PDB file of N, CA and C in Angstrom:
ATOM      1  N   MET A   1     -35.794  81.935  49.095  1.00  0.00           N
ATOM      2  CA  MET A   1     -35.382  83.086  49.533  1.00  0.00           C
ATOM      3  C   MET A   1     -35.763  84.076  48.434  1.00  0.00           C
ATOM      4  N   SER A   2     -37.037  84.313  48.254  1.00  0.00           N
ATOM      5  CA  SER A   2     -37.412  84.670  47.104  1.00  0.00           C
ATOM      6  C   SER A   2     -38.345  86.424  47.804  1.00  0.00           C
ATOM      7  N   ASN A   3     -38.012  86.562  49.228  1.00  0.00           N
ATOM      8  CA  ASN A   3     -38.848  87.235  50.116  1.00  0.00           C
ATOM      9  C   ASN A   3     -37.854  88.500  50.223  1.00  0.00           C
ATOM     10  N   VAL A   4     -38.025  90.059  50.189  1.00  0.00           N
ATOM     11  CA  VAL A   4     -36.909  90.505  50.451  1.00  0.00           C
ATOM     12  C   VAL A   4     -37.597  91.225  51.431  1.00  0.00           C
ATOM     13  N   ASN A   5     -38.380  91.234  53.145  1.00  0.00           N
ATOM     14  CA  ASN A   5     -38.234  90.701  54.001  1.00  0.00           C
ATOM     15  C   ASN A   5     -38.154  89.762  54.826  1.00  0.00           C
ATOM     16  N   GLU A   6     -37.543  88.984  53.984  1.00  0.00           N
ATOM     17  CA  GLU A   6     -37.680  87.889  55.092  1.00  0.00           C
ATOM     18  C   GLU A   6     -36.382  88.072  55.961  1.00  0.00           C
ATOM     19  N   ILE A   7     -36.515  87.751  56.956  1.00  0.00           N
ATOM     20  CA  ILE A   7     -35.493  87.296  57.937  1.00  0.00           C
ATOM     21  C   ILE A   7     -34.902  86.433  58.468  1.00  0.00           C
ATOM     22  N   LEU A   8     -33.387  86.047  58.135  1.00  0.00           N
ATOM     23  CA  LEU A   8     -32.732  84.957  58.278  1.00  0.00           C
ATOM     24  C   LEU A   8     -32.253  84.594  59.781  1.00  0.00           C
ATOM     25  N   THR A   9     -31.828  83.368  59.987  1.00  0.00           N
ATOM     26  CA  THR A   9     -31.453  83.083  61.326  1.00  0.00           C
ATOM     27  C   THR A   9     -29.662  83.149  61.194  1.00  0.00           C
ATOM     28  N   ILE A  10     -29.386  82.797  62.916  1.00  0.00           N
ATOM     29  CA  ILE A  10     -27.841  82.137  62.151  1.00  0.00           C
ATOM     30  C   ILE A  10     -28.055  81.242  62.192  1.00  0.00           C
ATOM     31  N   ASN A  11     -28.757  80.488  62.045  1.00  0.00           N
ATOM     32  CA  ASN A  11     -28.615  78.583  61.829  1.00  0.00           C
ATOM     33  C   ASN A  11     -28.516  78.406  60.170  1.00  0.00           C
ATOM     34  N   ASN A  12     -29.530  80.123  60.313  1.00  0.00           N
ATOM     35  CA  ASN A  12     -29.765  79.718  57.731  1.00  0.00           C
ATOM     36  C   ASN A  12     -28.346  79.930  57.274  1.00  0.00           C
ATOM     37  N   LEU A  13     -27.377  80.662  58.279  1.00  0.00           N
ATOM     38  CA  LEU A  13     -26.475  81.246  57.579  1.00  0.00           C
ATOM     39  C   LEU A  13     -24.980  80.116  58.135  1.00  0.00           C
ATOM     40  N   GLN A  14     -25.436  79.331  58.223  1.00  0.00           N
ATOM     41  CA  GLN A  14     -24.165  78.454  58.939  1.00  0.00           C
ATOM     42  C   GLN A  14     -23.374  78.088  58.308  1.00  0.00           C
ATOM     43  N   GLY A  15     -24.535  76.779  56.964  1.00  0.00           N
ATOM     44  CA  GLY A  15     -23.654  76.354  55.769  1.00  0.00           C
ATOM     45  C   GLY A  15     -23.306  77.581  54.672  1.00  0.00           C
ATOM     46  N   PHE A  16     -23.306  78.934  54.748  1.00  0.00           N
ATOM     47  CA  PHE A  16     -22.958  79.713  53.726  1.00  0.00           C
ATOM     48  C   PHE A  16     -21.581  80.532  53.760  1.00  0.00           C
ATOM     49  N   SER A  17     -20.315  80.053  52.569  1.00  0.00           N
ATOM     50  CA  SER A  17     -19.360  80.925  52.455  1.00  0.00           C
ATOM     51  C   SER A  17     -19.719  81.912  52.651  1.00  0.00           C
ATOM     52  N   ILE A  18     -18.101  82.705  52.629  1.00  0.00           N
ATOM     53  CA  ILE A  18     -18.417  84.444  52.602  1.00  0.00           C
ATOM     54  C   ILE A  18     -18.913  84.819  51.369  1.00  0.00           C
ATOM     55  N   GLN A  19     -18.438  84.102  50.248  1.00  0.00           N
ATOM     56  CA  GLN A  19     -18.454  84.136  49.120  1.00  0.00           C
ATOM     57  C   GLN A  19     -20.163  83.927  48.369  1.00  0.00           C
ATOM     58  N   GLU A  20     -20.897  83.210  49.131  1.00  0.00           N
ATOM     59  CA  GLU A  20     -22.369  83.042  48.903  1.00  0.00           C
ATOM     60  C   GLU A  20     -22.890  84.437  49.979  1.00  0.00           C
ATOM     61  N   PHE A  21     -22.731  84.290  50.892  1.00  0.00           N
ATOM     62  CA  PHE A  21     -23.334  85.643  51.987  1.00  0.00           C
ATOM     63  C   PHE A  21     -23.039  86.877  51.075  1.00  0.00           C
ATOM     64  N   ILE A  22     -22.700  87.104  50.621  1.00  0.00           N
ATOM     65  CA  ILE A  22     -21.910  88.188  49.676  1.00  0.00           C
ATOM     66  C   ILE A  22     -22.885  88.453  48.069  1.00  0.00           C
ATOM     67  N   GLU A  23     -22.519  87.153  47.817  1.00  0.00           N
ATOM     68  CA  GLU A  23     -24.093  87.283  46.733  1.00  0.00           C
ATOM     69  C   GLU A  23     -24.807  87.359  46.680  1.00  0.00           C
ATOM     70  N   LEU A  24     -25.481  86.878  48.497  1.00  0.00           N
ATOM     71  CA  LEU A  24     -26.539  86.496  48.521  1.00  0.00           C
ATOM     72  C   LEU A  24     -27.262  88.208  48.829  1.00  0.00           C
ATOM     73  N   LEU A  25     -26.171  88.822  49.344  1.00  0.00           N
ATOM     74  CA  LEU A  25     -26.753  90.081  49.466  1.00  0.00           C
ATOM     75  C   LEU A  25     -27.028  90.858  48.856  1.00  0.00           C
ATOM     76  N   LYS A  26     -26.040  91.103  47.757  1.00  0.00           N
ATOM     77  CA  LYS A  26     -26.264  91.783  46.502  1.00  0.00           C
ATOM     78  C   LYS A  26     -27.430  91.291  45.408  1.00  0.00           C
ATOM     79  N   ASP A  27     -27.729  90.022  46.016  1.00  0.00           N
ATOM     80  CA  ASP A  27     -29.016  89.737  45.329  1.00  0.00           C
ATOM     81  C   ASP A  27     -30.363  90.548  45.916  1.00  0.00           C
ATOM     82  N   LYS A  28     -30.227  90.497  47.260  1.00  0.00           N
ATOM     83  CA  LYS A  28     -31.110  91.025  47.908  1.00  0.00           C
ATOM     84  C   LYS A  28     -31.503  92.947  48.340  1.00  0.00           C
ATOM     85  N   LYS A  29     -30.192  93.222  48.595  1.00  0.00           N
ATOM     86  CA  LYS A  29     -30.258  94.676  48.629  1.00  0.00           C
ATOM     87  C   LYS A  29     -29.996  94.785  50.055  1.00  0.00           C
ATOM     88  N   THR A  30     -31.020  93.800  50.876  1.00  0.00           N
ATOM     89  CA  THR A  30     -30.899  94.411  52.418  1.00  0.00           C
ATOM     90  C   THR A  30     -31.295  92.326  52.961  1.00  0.00           C
ATOM     91  N   LEU A  31     -30.714  92.721  53.776  1.00  0.00           N
ATOM     92  CA  LEU A  31     -30.875  91.200  54.241  1.00  0.00           C
ATOM     93  C   LEU A  31     -31.129  91.571  55.653  1.00  0.00           C
ATOM     94  N   SER A  32     -31.849  90.860  56.902  1.00  0.00           N
ATOM     95  CA  SER A  32     -32.035  90.746  57.879  1.00  0.00           C
ATOM     96  C   SER A  32     -31.870  89.442  58.996  1.00  0.00           C
ATOM     97  N   VAL A  33     -30.545  89.089  60.140  1.00  0.00           N
ATOM     98  CA  VAL A  33     -30.490  88.398  60.457  1.00  0.00           C
ATOM     99  C   VAL A  33     -31.067  88.586  61.501  1.00  0.00           C
ATOM    100  N   GLN A  34     -32.019  87.324  62.632  1.00  0.00           N
ATOM    101  CA  GLN A  34     -31.551  87.352  63.691  1.00  0.00           C
ATOM    102  C   GLN A  34     -30.947  86.281  64.259  1.00  0.00           C
ATOM    103  N   LEU A  35     -30.180  87.725  65.496  1.00  0.00           N
ATOM    104  CA  LEU A  35     -29.535  87.137  66.294  1.00  0.00           C
ATOM    105  C   LEU A  35     -30.241  85.961  67.908  1.00  0.00           C
ATOM    106  N   SER A  36     -30.720  86.988  68.051  1.00  0.00           N
ATOM    107  CA  SER A  36     -32.048  86.113  68.934  1.00  0.00           C
ATOM    108  C   SER A  36     -33.290  87.096  69.163  1.00  0.00           C
ATOM    109  N   GLU A  37     -33.754  86.505  70.146  1.00  0.00           N
ATOM    110  CA  GLU A  37     -35.609  87.235  70.171  1.00  0.00           C
ATOM    111  C   GLU A  37     -35.285  88.642  69.947  1.00  0.00           C
ATOM    112  N   GLN A  38     -34.700  88.993  70.483  1.00  0.00           N
ATOM    113  CA  GLN A  38     -34.648  90.516  70.400  1.00  0.00           C
ATOM    114  C   GLN A  38     -33.554  91.859  69.875  1.00  0.00           C
ATOM    115  N   GLU A  39     -32.633  90.830  69.277  1.00  0.00           N
ATOM    116  CA  GLU A  39     -31.761  91.021  67.931  1.00  0.00           C
ATOM    117  C   GLU A  39     -32.322  91.243  66.583  1.00  0.00           C
ATOM    118  N   ILE A  40     -31.680  91.954  65.568  1.00  0.00           N
ATOM    119  CA  ILE A  40     -31.899  91.783  64.213  1.00  0.00           C
ATOM    120  C   ILE A  40     -31.031  92.992  63.908  1.00  0.00           C
ATOM    121  N   ILE A  41     -30.303  91.937  62.943  1.00  0.00           N
ATOM    122  CA  ILE A  41     -29.139  92.994  62.420  1.00  0.00           C
ATOM    123  C   ILE A  41     -29.898  93.381  61.019  1.00  0.00           C
ATOM    124  N   VAL A  42     -30.299  94.096  60.592  1.00  0.00           N
ATOM    125  CA  VAL A  42     -29.897  94.889  59.094  1.00  0.00           C
ATOM    126  C   VAL A  42     -28.790  95.152  58.467  1.00  0.00           C
ATOM    127  N   LEU A  43     -28.843  94.748  57.202  1.00  0.00           N
ATOM    128  CA  LEU A  43     -27.514  94.750  56.442  1.00  0.00           C
ATOM    129  C   LEU A  43     -27.948  94.741  55.201  1.00  0.00           C
ATOM    130  N   GLU A  44     -27.284  96.487  54.596  1.00  0.00           N
ATOM    131  CA  GLU A  44     -27.814  96.986  53.493  1.00  0.00           C
ATOM    132  C   GLU A  44     -26.476  97.115  52.494  1.00  0.00           C
ATOM    133  N   ILE A  45     -26.285  97.145  51.495  1.00  0.00           N
ATOM    134  CA  ILE A  45     -25.416  97.144  50.371  1.00  0.00           C
ATOM    135  C   ILE A  45     -25.646  99.084  50.011  1.00  0.00           C
ATOM    136  N   SER A  46     -24.731  99.650  50.178  1.00  0.00           N
ATOM    137  CA  SER A  46     -24.855 101.331  49.641  1.00  0.00           C
ATOM    138  C   SER A  46     -23.411 101.501  48.927  1.00  0.00           C
ATOM    139  N   GLN A  47     -23.839 102.905  47.880  1.00  0.00           N
ATOM    140  CA  GLN A  47     -23.089 103.127  47.001  1.00  0.00           C
ATOM    141  C   GLN A  47     -21.871 104.089  47.835  1.00  0.00           C
ATOM    142  N   LYS A  48     -20.533 104.083  47.170  1.00  0.00           N
ATOM    143  CA  LYS A  48     -19.689 104.750  47.733  1.00  0.00           C
ATOM    144  C   LYS A  48     -19.476 106.246  47.293  1.00  0.00           C
ATOM    145  N   LEU A  49     -19.323 106.930  48.812  1.00  0.00           N
ATOM    146  CA  LEU A  49     -19.889 108.221  48.389  1.00  0.00           C
ATOM    147  C   LEU A  49     -19.102 109.391  47.586  1.00  0.00           C
ATOM    148  N   LYS A  50     -19.351 110.285  46.414  1.00  0.00           N
ATOM    149  CA  LYS A  50     -18.203 110.871  45.971  1.00  0.00           C
ATOM    150  C   LYS A  50     -17.851 111.850  46.864  1.00  0.00           C
ATOM    151  N   PRO A  51     -16.174 112.066  46.514  1.00  0.00           N
ATOM    152  CA  PRO A  51     -16.428 113.399  47.261  1.00  0.00           C
ATOM    153  C   PRO A  51     -16.319 114.443  47.494  1.00  0.00           C
ATOM    154  N   LEU A  52     -16.827 115.451  48.298  1.00  0.00           N
ATOM    155  CA  LEU A  52     -16.919 117.010  48.361  1.00  0.00           C
ATOM    156  C   LEU A  52     -16.375 117.663  47.637  1.00  0.00           C
ATOM    157  N   PRO A  53     -16.828 118.579  46.881  1.00  0.00           N
ATOM    158  CA  PRO A  53     -16.024 119.105  46.002  1.00  0.00           C
ATOM    159  C   PRO A  53     -15.531 120.520  46.507  1.00  0.00           C
ATOM    160  N   ILE A  54     -14.796 121.067  45.959  1.00  0.00           N
ATOM    161  CA  ILE A  54     -13.744 121.705  46.889  1.00  0.00           C
ATOM    162  C   ILE A  54     -13.852 123.009  46.594  1.00  0.00           C
ATOM    163  N   VAL A  55     -14.910 123.859  47.018  1.00  0.00           N
ATOM    164  CA  VAL A  55     -14.931 125.311  47.046  1.00  0.00           C
ATOM    165  C   VAL A  55     -14.001 126.152  47.473  1.00  0.00           C
ATOM    166  N   GLU A  56     -14.313 127.556  46.283  1.00  0.00           N
ATOM    167  CA  GLU A  56     -13.157 128.831  46.775  1.00  0.00           C
ATOM    168  C   GLU A  56     -13.742 129.387  47.790  1.00  0.00           C
ATOM    169  N   GLY A  57     -12.564 129.894  48.276  1.00  0.00           N
ATOM    170  CA  GLY A  57     -12.686 130.924  49.723  1.00  0.00           C
ATOM    171  C   GLY A  57     -11.955 130.563  50.859  1.00  0.00           C
ATOM    172  N   TYR A  58     -12.395 131.117  51.929  1.00  0.00           N
ATOM    173  CA  TYR A  58     -11.508 131.042  52.808  1.00  0.00           C
ATOM    174  C   TYR A  58     -11.805 130.936  54.548  1.00  0.00           C
ATOM    175  N   VAL A  59     -11.661 130.502  55.207  1.00  0.00           N
ATOM    176  CA  VAL A  59     -12.341 130.265  56.732  1.00  0.00           C
ATOM    177  C   VAL A  59     -11.463 131.297  57.282  1.00  0.00           C
ATOM    178  N   PRO A  60     -12.394 133.239  57.743  1.00  0.00           N
ATOM    179  CA  PRO A  60     -11.180 133.940  58.692  1.00  0.00           C
ATOM    180  C   PRO A  60     -10.819 133.335  60.231  1.00  0.00           C
ATOM    181  N   SER A  61      -9.615 133.822  60.357  1.00  0.00           N
ATOM    182  CA  SER A  61      -8.867 133.904  61.586  1.00  0.00           C
ATOM    183  C   SER A  61      -9.791 134.448  62.727  1.00  0.00           C
ATOM    184  N   GLY A  62     -10.093 133.835  63.488  1.00  0.00           N
ATOM    185  CA  GLY A  62     -10.761 133.974  64.592  1.00  0.00           C
ATOM    186  C   GLY A  62     -12.500 133.365  65.156  1.00  0.00           C
ATOM    187  N   TRP A  63     -12.797 132.698  63.707  1.00  0.00           N
ATOM    188  CA  TRP A  63     -14.361 132.292  63.302  1.00  0.00           C
ATOM    189  C   TRP A  63     -14.653 131.115  64.691  1.00  0.00           C
ATOM    190  N   LYS A  64     -14.024 130.667  64.901  1.00  0.00           N
ATOM    191  CA  LYS A  64     -14.218 130.035  65.864  1.00  0.00           C
ATOM    192  C   LYS A  64     -14.853 130.281  67.521  1.00  0.00           C
ATOM    193  N   SER A  65     -13.531 131.622  67.496  1.00  0.00           N
ATOM    194  CA  SER A  65     -13.747 132.519  69.026  1.00  0.00           C
ATOM    195  C   SER A  65     -15.226 133.388  68.450  1.00  0.00           C
ATOM    196  N   ALA A  66     -15.544 133.138  67.490  1.00  0.00           N
ATOM    197  CA  ALA A  66     -16.525 134.584  66.834  1.00  0.00           C
ATOM    198  C   ALA A  66     -18.121 133.707  67.361  1.00  0.00           C
ATOM    199  N   ILE A  67     -17.955 132.630  66.656  1.00  0.00           N
ATOM    200  CA  ILE A  67     -18.932 131.622  67.166  1.00  0.00           C
ATOM    201  C   ILE A  67     -19.504 131.609  68.632  1.00  0.00           C
ATOM    202  N   TYR A  68     -18.577 131.205  69.828  1.00  0.00           N
ATOM    203  CA  TYR A  68     -18.900 131.261  70.665  1.00  0.00           C
ATOM    204  C   TYR A  68     -19.041 133.132  71.351  1.00  0.00           C
ATOM    205  N   GLU A  69     -19.092 133.863  71.143  1.00  0.00           N
ATOM    206  CA  GLU A  69     -19.037 135.045  71.649  1.00  0.00           C
ATOM    207  C   GLU A  69     -20.374 135.268  71.383  1.00  0.00           C
ATOM    208  N   ASN A  70     -21.041 136.098  72.698  1.00  0.00           N
ATOM    209  CA  ASN A  70     -22.346 137.029  72.917  1.00  0.00           C
ATOM    210  C   ASN A  70     -23.160 135.425  72.959  1.00  0.00           C
TER     211      ASN A  70
END
């Protein structure tokens, strides 16, 4: 399974434990699993997003009404 673009099938994965599947995903970074002739699931590892910064300032009262006027 050295090809990153390889598409696995449900039959290929039936013998895998959860731990083996997760290790495979970590190794490949992206996995494609074909469920049927028309359906393919693409799984991709992503990094946890950093929290948004807190900025100084305020939202004026009535802002929502103002955007819908005129």
